[in-house]
C-alpha atoms as a PDB file:
ATOM      1  CA  MET A   1       0.000  -0.139  -0.126  1.00  0.00           C
ATOM      2  CA  ARG A   2       2.851   2.416   0.842  1.00  0.00           C
ATOM      3  CA  TYR A   3       4.734   1.722  -2.391  1.00  0.00           C
ATOM      4  CA  SER A   4       1.820   2.302  -4.619  1.00  0.00           C
ATOM      5  CA  PHE A   5       0.817   5.550  -2.896  1.00  0.00           C
ATOM      6  CA  THR A   6       4.604   6.521  -3.343  1.00  0.00           C
ATOM      7  CA  LEU A   7       4.524   5.604  -6.976  1.00  0.00           C
ATOM      8  CA  PHE A   8       1.296   7.289  -7.467  1.00  0.00           C
ATOM      9  CA  LEU A   9       2.693  10.612  -6.222  1.00  0.00           C
ATOM     10  CA  VAL A  10       5.867  10.352  -8.142  1.00  0.00           C
ATOM     11  CA  LEU A  11       3.676   9.267 -11.343  1.00  0.00           C
ATOM     12  CA  ASN A  12       1.524  12.219 -10.651  1.00  0.00           C
ATOM     13  CA  PHE A  13       4.333  14.904 -10.119  1.00  0.00           C
ATOM     14  CA  THR A  14       5.937  13.807 -13.375  1.00  0.00           C
ATOM     15  CA  LEU A  15       3.028  13.765 -15.630  1.00  0.00           C
ATOM     16  CA  HIS A  16       2.057  17.429 -13.690  1.00  0.00           C
ATOM     17  CA  LEU A  17       5.542  18.701 -14.853  1.00  0.00           C
ATOM     18  CA  PHE A  18       5.380  17.463 -18.472  1.00  0.00           C
ATOM     19  CA  ALA A  19       1.562  18.777 -18.836  1.00  0.00           C
ATOM     20  CA  GLN A  20       2.635  22.467 -18.009  1.00  0.00           C
ATOM     21  CA  ASP A  21       1.634  24.780 -20.890  1.00  0.00           C
ATOM     22  CA  LYS A  22       4.189  27.282 -22.313  1.00  0.00           C
ATOM     23  CA  PRO A  23       4.299  30.540 -20.343  1.00  0.00           C
ATOM     24  CA  ASN A  24       2.516  33.473 -21.670  1.00  0.00           C
ATOM     25  CA  LYS A  25       4.503  35.907 -23.683  1.00  0.00           C
ATOM     26  CA  LEU A  26       3.532  39.338 -24.601  1.00  0.00           C
ATOM     27  CA  GLU A  27       4.545  40.356 -28.172  1.00  0.00           C
ATOM     28  CA  LYS A  28       5.339  43.939 -28.899  1.00  0.00           C
ATOM     29  CA  ASP A  29       2.636  44.808 -30.825  1.00  0.00           C
ATOM     30  CA  GLN A  30       0.146  43.645 -27.977  1.00  0.00           C
ATOM     31  CA  ILE A  31       1.231  46.037 -25.525  1.00  0.00           C
ATOM     32  CA  GLY A  32      -0.874  48.977 -26.152  1.00  0.00           C
ATOM     33  CA  LYS A  33      -3.549  46.697 -26.171  1.00  0.00           C
ATOM     34  CA  ILE A  34      -3.789  45.395 -22.744  1.00  0.00           C
ATOM     35  CA  ASP A  35      -6.576  45.620 -20.582  1.00  0.00           C
ATOM     36  CA  SER A  36      -5.541  47.201 -17.144  1.00  0.00           C
ATOM     37  CA  THR A  37      -7.550  44.633 -15.380  1.00  0.00           C
ATOM     38  CA  GLU A  38      -5.477  41.605 -16.472  1.00  0.00           C
ATOM     39  CA  LEU A  39      -2.487  40.316 -15.090  1.00  0.00           C
ATOM     40  CA  ILE A  40       0.240  39.583 -17.547  1.00  0.00           C
ATOM     41  CA  LEU A  41       2.641  36.698 -16.875  1.00  0.00           C
ATOM     42  CA  ILE A  42       5.865  37.890 -18.284  1.00  0.00           C
ATOM     43  CA  ASP A  43       9.359  38.663 -17.145  1.00  0.00           C
ATOM     44  CA  PRO A  44       9.326  42.677 -17.211  1.00  0.00           C
ATOM     45  CA  VAL A  45      12.295  44.668 -18.132  1.00  0.00           C
ATOM     46  CA  LYS A  46      11.900  46.987 -14.831  1.00  0.00           C
ATOM     47  CA  TYR A  47      10.184  45.643 -11.920  1.00  0.00           C
ATOM     48  CA  PRO A  48       8.240  47.852  -9.676  1.00  0.00           C
ATOM     49  CA  SER A  49      10.063  49.599  -6.859  1.00  0.00           C
ATOM     50  CA  PHE A  50       9.370  51.624  -3.957  1.00  0.00           C
ATOM     51  CA  PRO A  51      10.623  55.265  -4.544  1.00  0.00           C
ATOM     52  CA  GLY A  52      14.041  55.606  -3.591  1.00  0.00           C
ATOM     53  CA  GLY A  53      14.579  52.120  -3.701  1.00  0.00           C
ATOM     54  CA  ALA A  54      14.870  49.108  -0.984  1.00  0.00           C
ATOM     55  CA  ASP A  55      16.614  51.163   1.425  1.00  0.00           C
ATOM     56  CA  SER A  56      13.745  53.945   1.210  1.00  0.00           C
ATOM     57  CA  LEU A  57      11.366  50.986   1.840  1.00  0.00           C
ATOM     58  CA  LYS A  58      13.137  49.907   4.749  1.00  0.00           C
ATOM     59  CA  VAL A  59      13.150  53.623   6.183  1.00  0.00           C
ATOM     60  CA  PHE A  60       9.277  54.257   5.384  1.00  0.00           C
ATOM     61  CA  ILE A  61       8.102  50.670   7.145  1.00  0.00           C
ATOM     62  CA  LYS A  62      10.113  51.593  10.486  1.00  0.00           C
ATOM     63  CA  LYS A  63       9.145  54.999  10.347  1.00  0.00           C
ATOM     64  CA  ASN A  64       5.463  54.293  10.029  1.00  0.00           C
ATOM     65  CA  TYR A  65       5.505  50.648  12.344  1.00  0.00           C
ATOM     66  CA  ASN A  66       3.557  51.079  14.947  1.00  0.00           C
ATOM     67  CA  TRP A  67       2.664  47.861  16.715  1.00  0.00           C
ATOM     68  CA  THR A  68       2.448  46.352  20.322  1.00  0.00           C
ATOM     69  CA  VAL A  69       0.343  43.241  21.226  1.00  0.00           C
ATOM     70  CA  GLY A  70       0.063  43.330  25.097  1.00  0.00           C
ATOM     71  CA  LYS A  71       2.539  41.048  26.964  1.00  0.00           C
ATOM     72  CA  GLU A  72       3.016  38.420  23.789  1.00  0.00           C
ATOM     73  CA  THR A  73       6.188  38.280  22.183  1.00  0.00           C
ATOM     74  CA  ILE A  74       5.870  37.595  18.432  1.00  0.00           C
ATOM     75  CA  VAL A  75       8.623  37.100  16.002  1.00  0.00           C
ATOM     76  CA  GLY A  76       8.437  36.513  12.581  1.00  0.00           C
ATOM     77  CA  LYS A  77       7.286  37.903   9.067  1.00  0.00           C
ATOM     78  CA  VAL A  78       4.107  38.851   7.348  1.00  0.00           C
ATOM     79  CA  PHE A  79       3.875  38.293   3.749  1.00  0.00           C
ATOM     80  CA  ILE A  80       1.609  40.602   2.078  1.00  0.00           C
ATOM     81  CA  GLU A  81       0.582  40.681  -1.715  1.00  0.00           C
ATOM     82  CA  PHE A  82      -0.479  43.637  -3.518  1.00  0.00           C
ATOM     83  CA  TYR A  83      -0.588  45.025  -7.523  1.00  0.00           C
ATOM     84  CA  VAL A  84       1.233  47.908  -8.557  1.00  0.00           C
ATOM     85  CA  GLU A  85      -1.175  49.457 -11.291  1.00  0.00           C
ATOM     86  CA  LYS A  86       0.411  51.396 -14.291  1.00  0.00           C
ATOM     87  CA  ASP A  87       0.021  54.409 -12.355  1.00  0.00           C
ATOM     88  CA  GLY A  88       2.163  53.246  -9.633  1.00  0.00           C
ATOM     89  CA  ASN A  89      -1.074  53.050  -7.373  1.00  0.00           C
ATOM     90  CA  ILE A  90      -1.147  50.117  -4.800  1.00  0.00           C
ATOM     91  CA  SER A  91      -4.477  47.952  -4.984  1.00  0.00           C
ATOM     92  CA  ASN A  92      -5.824  44.473  -3.936  1.00  0.00           C
ATOM     93  CA  ILE A  93      -3.975  44.290  -0.809  1.00  0.00           C
ATOM     94  CA  SER A  94      -3.985  40.935   1.011  1.00  0.00           C
ATOM     95  CA  ILE A  95      -2.103  38.493   3.144  1.00  0.00           C
ATOM     96  CA  VAL A  96      -0.095  35.614   1.688  1.00  0.00           C
ATOM     97  CA  LYS A  97       1.013  34.185   4.879  1.00  0.00           C
ATOM     98  CA  GLY A  98      -0.099  35.654   8.275  1.00  0.00           C
ATOM     99  CA  LEU A  99       1.819  35.515  11.421  1.00  0.00           C
ATOM    100  CA  HIS A 100      -0.723  36.719  14.021  1.00  0.00           C
ATOM    101  CA  PRO A 101      -4.235  38.907  13.427  1.00  0.00           C
ATOM    102  CA  ASP A 102      -2.674  42.392  14.907  1.00  0.00           C
ATOM    103  CA  CYS A 103       0.659  41.509  12.978  1.00  0.00           C
ATOM    104  CA  ASP A 104      -1.564  41.093   9.642  1.00  0.00           C
ATOM    105  CA  LYS A 105      -3.532  44.292  10.224  1.00  0.00           C
ATOM    106  CA  GLU A 106      -0.467  46.332  11.074  1.00  0.00           C
ATOM    107  CA  ALA A 107       1.303  45.006   7.729  1.00  0.00           C
ATOM    108  CA  ILE A 108      -1.836  46.115   5.859  1.00  0.00           C
ATOM    109  CA  ARG A 109      -1.985  49.617   7.380  1.00  0.00           C
ATOM    110  CA  ILE A 110       1.599  50.206   6.489  1.00  0.00           C
ATOM    111  CA  VAL A 111       1.081  49.049   2.795  1.00  0.00           C
ATOM    112  CA  LYS A 112      -1.847  51.386   2.578  1.00  0.00           C
ATOM    113  CA  LEU A 113       0.108  54.429   3.712  1.00  0.00           C
ATOM    114  CA  MET A 114       2.881  53.811   0.753  1.00  0.00           C
ATOM    115  CA  PRO A 115       3.095  56.534  -1.755  1.00  0.00           C
ATOM    116  CA  LYS A 116       2.989  55.485  -5.528  1.00  0.00           C
ATOM    117  CA  TRP A 117       5.629  53.005  -6.604  1.00  0.00           C
ATOM    118  CA  ASN A 118       7.519  52.964  -9.485  1.00  0.00           C
ATOM    119  CA  PRO A 119       5.420  50.613 -11.887  1.00  0.00           C
ATOM    120  CA  SER A 120       6.895  47.760 -14.216  1.00  0.00           C
ATOM    121  CA  GLU A 121       7.631  48.431 -17.445  1.00  0.00           C
ATOM    122  CA  VAL A 122       8.034  46.442 -20.561  1.00  0.00           C
ATOM    123  CA  ASP A 123       9.590  48.088 -23.816  1.00  0.00           C
ATOM    124  CA  GLY A 124       9.204  51.613 -21.944  1.00  0.00           C
ATOM    125  CA  LYS A 125       5.489  51.053 -21.289  1.00  0.00           C
ATOM    126  CA  SER A 126       3.990  50.648 -17.658  1.00  0.00           C
ATOM    127  CA  ILE A 127       2.041  47.261 -17.032  1.00  0.00           C
ATOM    128  CA  ARG A 128       0.104  46.116 -13.970  1.00  0.00           C
ATOM    129  CA  SER A 129       2.184  43.920 -11.629  1.00  0.00           C
ATOM    130  CA  LYS A 130       2.150  41.664  -8.376  1.00  0.00           C
ATOM    131  CA  TRP A 131       4.159  42.013  -5.772  1.00  0.00           C
ATOM    132  CA  ILE A 132       4.737  40.194  -2.356  1.00  0.00           C
ATOM    133  CA  LEU A 133       6.448  41.831   0.349  1.00  0.00           C
ATOM    134  CA  PRO A 134       7.405  40.398   3.673  1.00  0.00           C
ATOM    135  CA  ILE A 135       7.139  42.392   6.918  1.00  0.00           C
ATOM    136  CA  GLU A 136       9.117  41.757   9.857  1.00  0.00           C
ATOM    137  CA  PHE A 137       7.801  41.552  13.291  1.00  0.00           C
ATOM    138  CA  ASN A 138      10.550  41.290  16.034  1.00  0.00           C
ATOM    139  CA  GLY A 139       8.720  40.855  19.261  1.00  0.00           C
ATOM    140  CA  LEU A 140       7.235  43.881  21.381  1.00  0.00           C
ATOM    141  CA  LYS A 141       7.969  47.433  20.337  1.00  0.00           C
END
């Protein structure tokens, strides 16, 4: 029984690997025709970035970080997902992996305070993209 289950898992995984479709590619003549509500599965030339770069993002999070939760000590990261729209606005904020309800709320609050980001680009045209940001919590503030 154990052998057949293991064999089933291996075969299922192998077949799944070979059954993958080719990744979606964006042709140059399609860039201006993309609906802003679509998620484009491509590798952009320029990824979205916080104004001023990663160091400025760390400073922003530290400056706006305002979290305490009683006498509990909670250490870990909240992984928060959001979309950077063509104009740099942040939308569709959600928790990918939470830590504690209060930490999750604080992470969402911080992302909602963020200024416009620099959007992703393909061939000089801004596109909508998804970003996952880890926000670290180290015990009590």
